[in-house]
Protein backbone atom coordinates (compact mmCIF):
# COMPACT_ATOMS: atom_id res chain seq x y z
CA MET A 1 0.00 0.00 0.00
CA ARG A 2 1.19 3.51 -0.82
CA ARG A 3 0.51 6.90 0.70
CA ALA A 4 -1.26 9.64 -1.23
CA ASP A 5 2.16 11.03 -2.19
CA GLY A 6 3.11 7.67 -3.73
CA HIS A 7 5.58 6.58 -1.04
CA PRO A 8 5.32 3.19 0.69
CA VAL A 9 3.13 3.45 3.78
CA PHE A 10 5.45 1.46 6.04
CA LEU A 11 8.22 4.07 5.59
CA GLY A 12 6.16 6.91 7.02
CA GLU A 13 6.59 10.55 6.02
CA PHE A 14 9.33 11.70 3.62
CA PHE A 15 11.06 15.04 4.26
CA LYS A 16 14.28 16.96 3.59
CA PRO A 17 16.71 16.21 6.45
CA ASP A 18 18.66 19.04 8.06
CA ASP A 19 21.88 17.01 8.16
CA GLU A 20 23.93 15.74 5.21
CA VAL A 21 22.74 12.46 3.73
CA VAL A 22 24.97 10.14 1.69
CA ILE A 23 23.50 8.03 -1.12
CA LEU A 24 24.76 4.44 -0.97
CA GLY A 25 22.95 3.18 -4.07
CA VAL A 26 19.52 2.57 -5.60
CA VAL A 27 17.25 -0.41 -4.99
CA ALA A 28 17.44 -2.54 -8.14
CA LYS A 29 14.92 -5.28 -7.47
CA ALA A 30 12.91 -7.28 -4.96
CA ARG A 31 14.19 -10.69 -3.90
CA GLY A 32 12.04 -13.58 -2.77
CA LEU A 33 8.72 -13.31 -0.95
CA ARG A 34 9.72 -11.95 2.47
CA GLY A 35 10.34 -8.27 1.82
CA GLU A 36 13.98 -8.42 0.79
CA VAL A 37 15.48 -6.09 -1.85
CA ALA A 38 18.87 -5.79 -3.53
CA PHE A 39 21.06 -2.88 -4.59
CA TYR A 40 24.57 -2.32 -5.94
CA PRO A 41 26.62 -0.03 -3.64
CA LEU A 42 28.16 2.92 -5.43
CA SER A 43 31.31 2.35 -3.39
CA GLY A 44 31.84 -1.08 -4.91
CA GLN A 45 32.24 -2.44 -1.36
CA PRO A 46 29.05 -4.36 -0.50
CA GLU A 47 30.63 -5.92 2.60
CA VAL A 48 30.57 -2.53 4.37
CA PHE A 49 26.77 -2.44 4.46
CA GLY A 50 26.68 -5.05 7.20
CA HIS A 51 27.97 -2.43 9.67
CA TYR A 52 24.91 -0.20 9.24
CA ARG A 53 22.03 -0.62 11.64
CA ALA A 54 19.60 1.79 9.95
CA VAL A 55 19.28 3.57 6.61
CA ARG A 56 17.10 6.21 5.04
CA ILE A 57 15.15 5.66 1.84
CA GLY A 58 15.15 8.54 -0.66
CA ASP A 59 12.70 9.41 -3.43
CA GLY A 60 15.21 11.05 -5.77
CA GLN A 61 13.69 14.48 -5.10
CA GLY A 62 15.77 15.30 -2.05
CA ARG A 63 13.26 13.83 0.40
CA PHE A 64 14.05 10.92 2.68
CA SER A 65 12.34 8.69 5.20
CA HIS A 66 13.26 8.67 8.86
CA PRO A 67 16.03 6.13 9.57
CA VAL A 68 14.61 2.62 9.19
CA ALA A 69 16.20 -0.35 10.97
CA VAL A 70 17.93 -2.93 8.79
CA ALA A 71 16.41 -6.27 9.83
CA SER A 72 18.91 -8.37 7.90
CA SER A 73 21.51 -8.08 5.15
CA ARG A 74 23.86 -10.27 3.14
CA VAL A 75 26.34 -9.86 0.31
CA ILE A 76 25.59 -11.48 -3.05
CA LYS A 77 28.59 -11.00 -5.35
CA ASP A 78 28.71 -7.22 -6.03
CA ALA A 79 25.29 -6.52 -4.52
CA VAL A 80 23.70 -6.25 -1.09
CA ALA A 81 20.43 -8.01 -0.32
CA PHE A 82 18.68 -6.60 2.73
CA ARG A 83 15.33 -6.30 4.45
CA LEU A 84 14.01 -3.28 6.29
CA GLU A 85 11.86 -3.47 9.41
CA GLY A 86 8.27 -3.20 8.18
CA SER A 87 8.95 -4.78 4.80
CA GLU A 88 7.32 -8.19 5.22
CA ASN A 89 6.35 -9.34 1.73
CA ARG A 90 7.24 -9.04 -1.94
CA ASP A 91 4.64 -6.35 -2.61
CA GLN A 92 6.27 -4.05 -0.05
CA ALA A 93 9.72 -4.89 -1.41
CA GLU A 94 8.69 -4.05 -4.97
CA GLN A 95 7.51 -0.64 -3.79
CA LEU A 96 11.14 0.16 -2.89
CA VAL A 97 12.54 -0.48 -6.39
CA GLY A 98 14.04 2.74 -7.77
CA TYR A 99 14.32 4.38 -4.35
CA ALA A 100 17.72 5.46 -3.03
CA VAL A 101 19.38 3.78 -0.07
CA ALA A 102 21.05 6.45 2.06
CA LEU A 103 22.86 7.02 5.32
CA ASP A 104 23.30 10.05 7.54
CA ALA A 105 26.84 11.32 6.95
CA HIS A 106 27.62 11.33 10.67
CA ASP A 107 26.88 7.59 10.78
CA LEU A 108 29.66 6.76 8.32
CA PRO A 109 32.61 4.97 9.96
CA GLU A 110 35.58 7.21 10.74
CA LEU A 111 38.47 7.03 8.30
CA SER A 112 42.19 7.48 8.63
CA ASP A 113 43.81 10.61 7.20
CA ASP A 114 44.67 8.97 3.87
CA GLU A 115 41.21 7.43 3.33
CA TYR A 116 38.09 9.01 1.85
CA TYR A 117 34.54 8.33 0.80
CA TRP A 118 33.63 8.83 -2.84
CA CYS A 119 30.78 11.12 -1.81
CA GLN A 120 33.34 13.47 -0.22
CA LEU A 121 35.05 14.01 -3.57
CA VAL A 122 32.10 14.34 -5.97
CA GLY A 123 31.45 18.01 -6.68
CA LEU A 124 34.89 19.24 -5.60
CA ASP A 125 36.77 21.70 -7.79
CA VAL A 126 40.01 20.42 -9.31
CA TYR A 127 43.04 22.65 -10.01
CA ASP A 128 46.50 22.06 -11.37
CA THR A 129 49.57 23.29 -9.48
CA GLY A 130 49.33 26.63 -11.32
CA MET A 131 45.83 27.05 -9.85
CA ASN A 132 44.23 26.68 -13.28
CA HIS A 133 40.72 25.32 -12.84
CA LEU A 134 40.40 21.93 -14.55
CA GLY A 135 36.78 21.25 -13.64
CA LYS A 136 34.68 19.45 -11.06
CA VAL A 137 34.63 15.83 -9.98
CA GLU A 138 31.51 14.30 -11.54
CA ALA A 139 32.03 10.67 -10.57
CA LEU A 140 34.54 8.00 -9.60
CA PHE A 141 35.09 4.41 -10.62
CA ASP A 142 37.43 1.63 -9.61
CA ASN A 143 39.71 0.32 -12.37
CA GLY A 144 40.92 -2.58 -10.24
CA ALA A 145 44.20 -0.93 -9.23
CA HIS A 146 42.93 2.35 -7.78
CA ASP A 147 40.06 4.82 -7.88
CA VAL A 148 39.75 7.08 -10.92
CA LEU A 149 38.25 10.57 -10.88
CA VAL A 150 36.01 11.67 -13.74
CA VAL A 151 36.56 15.44 -13.95
CA THR A 152 34.37 17.54 -16.24
CA GLY A 153 35.54 20.99 -17.31
CA GLU A 154 33.39 24.00 -18.16
CA ASN A 155 33.78 23.12 -21.85
CA GLY A 156 32.28 19.69 -21.21
CA LYS A 157 35.52 17.79 -21.74
CA GLU A 158 36.28 14.88 -19.45
CA ILE A 159 39.59 14.15 -17.79
CA LEU A 160 40.32 10.85 -16.07
CA LEU A 161 42.71 11.17 -13.15
CA PRO A 162 44.00 8.33 -10.97
CA MET A 163 43.30 9.07 -7.31
CA VAL A 164 46.81 8.31 -6.08
CA ARG A 165 48.83 10.26 -3.54
CA GLN A 166 51.69 11.07 -5.93
CA ILE A 167 49.32 12.90 -8.31
CA ILE A 168 46.37 14.28 -6.34
CA ARG A 169 46.15 15.79 -2.90
CA ARG A 170 43.34 17.39 -0.99
CA THR A 171 43.77 20.94 0.26
CA MET A 172 41.78 24.06 1.16
CA VAL A 173 41.28 27.17 -0.97
CA GLU A 174 39.38 30.05 0.59
CA SER A 175 38.14 27.69 3.31
CA GLN A 176 36.72 25.27 0.71
CA PRO A 177 38.05 21.75 0.09
CA VAL A 178 39.55 21.26 -3.38
CA LEU A 179 41.75 18.76 -5.18
CA LEU A 180 45.18 19.80 -6.41
CA VAL A 181 46.65 17.83 -9.31
CA GLU A 182 50.36 17.33 -9.88
CA PRO A 183 50.08 15.18 -13.01
CA LEU A 184 52.80 13.18 -14.63
CA SER A 185 53.98 14.56 -17.94
CA GLY A 186 51.25 14.27 -20.58
CA LEU A 187 48.63 12.81 -18.20
CA LEU A 188 46.09 15.57 -18.81
CA ASP A 189 46.59 15.49 -22.57
CA VAL A 190 46.14 11.76 -23.10
CA ASN A 191 42.79 11.81 -21.31
CA LEU A 192 41.17 14.03 -23.93
CA ASP A 193 40.46 13.34 -27.57
CA VAL A 194 39.58 15.96 -30.15
CA GLY A 195 35.89 15.83 -29.32
CA GLY A 196 36.44 15.96 -25.59
CA LYS A 197 35.09 12.49 -25.00
CA ARG A 198 36.55 9.96 -22.63
CA ALA A 199 39.52 8.18 -24.12
CA THR A 200 38.98 4.50 -24.81
CA ALA A 201 42.60 3.40 -25.02
């Protein structure tokens, strides 16, 4: 059953939280008959989800449920299958498909100084060592060896930068966090083709 606003009844009211909320992924499908759903974590680390006791569900419009207890969870290859308290059958699970799975930022585990969450980097401005603005971080992906930043400039061109300590460091400019790039010779050039599309080789 859904509320008049279209949201699942068992999740209660949706609203815009005052605190920062981090999107973990989007519910991809229902599993089985007992209210379980599955999603693919944006972090690529499904095993981390088992540490979370409650999550918020988001509607993609900036509104989220109150934290809902995670009744159970398990890792299935690259995905997480989990059940929320109140989701008891397949019909309720199917109502969650397409909704975001989110966590209050202050509930994220603490990291060491050289660690980071992807969500902390997306949206940051990127500069070279001459303080020339290269663009903003639009996304990240894991190439198997390390994380790679997808940086989009104002002209729409994409630059792929490996997130390694020898090349990129985090710093502050006018009290705002930014990324400073000290690229190896030719690194910025080889990431762009004539049309500004992502290089394929």
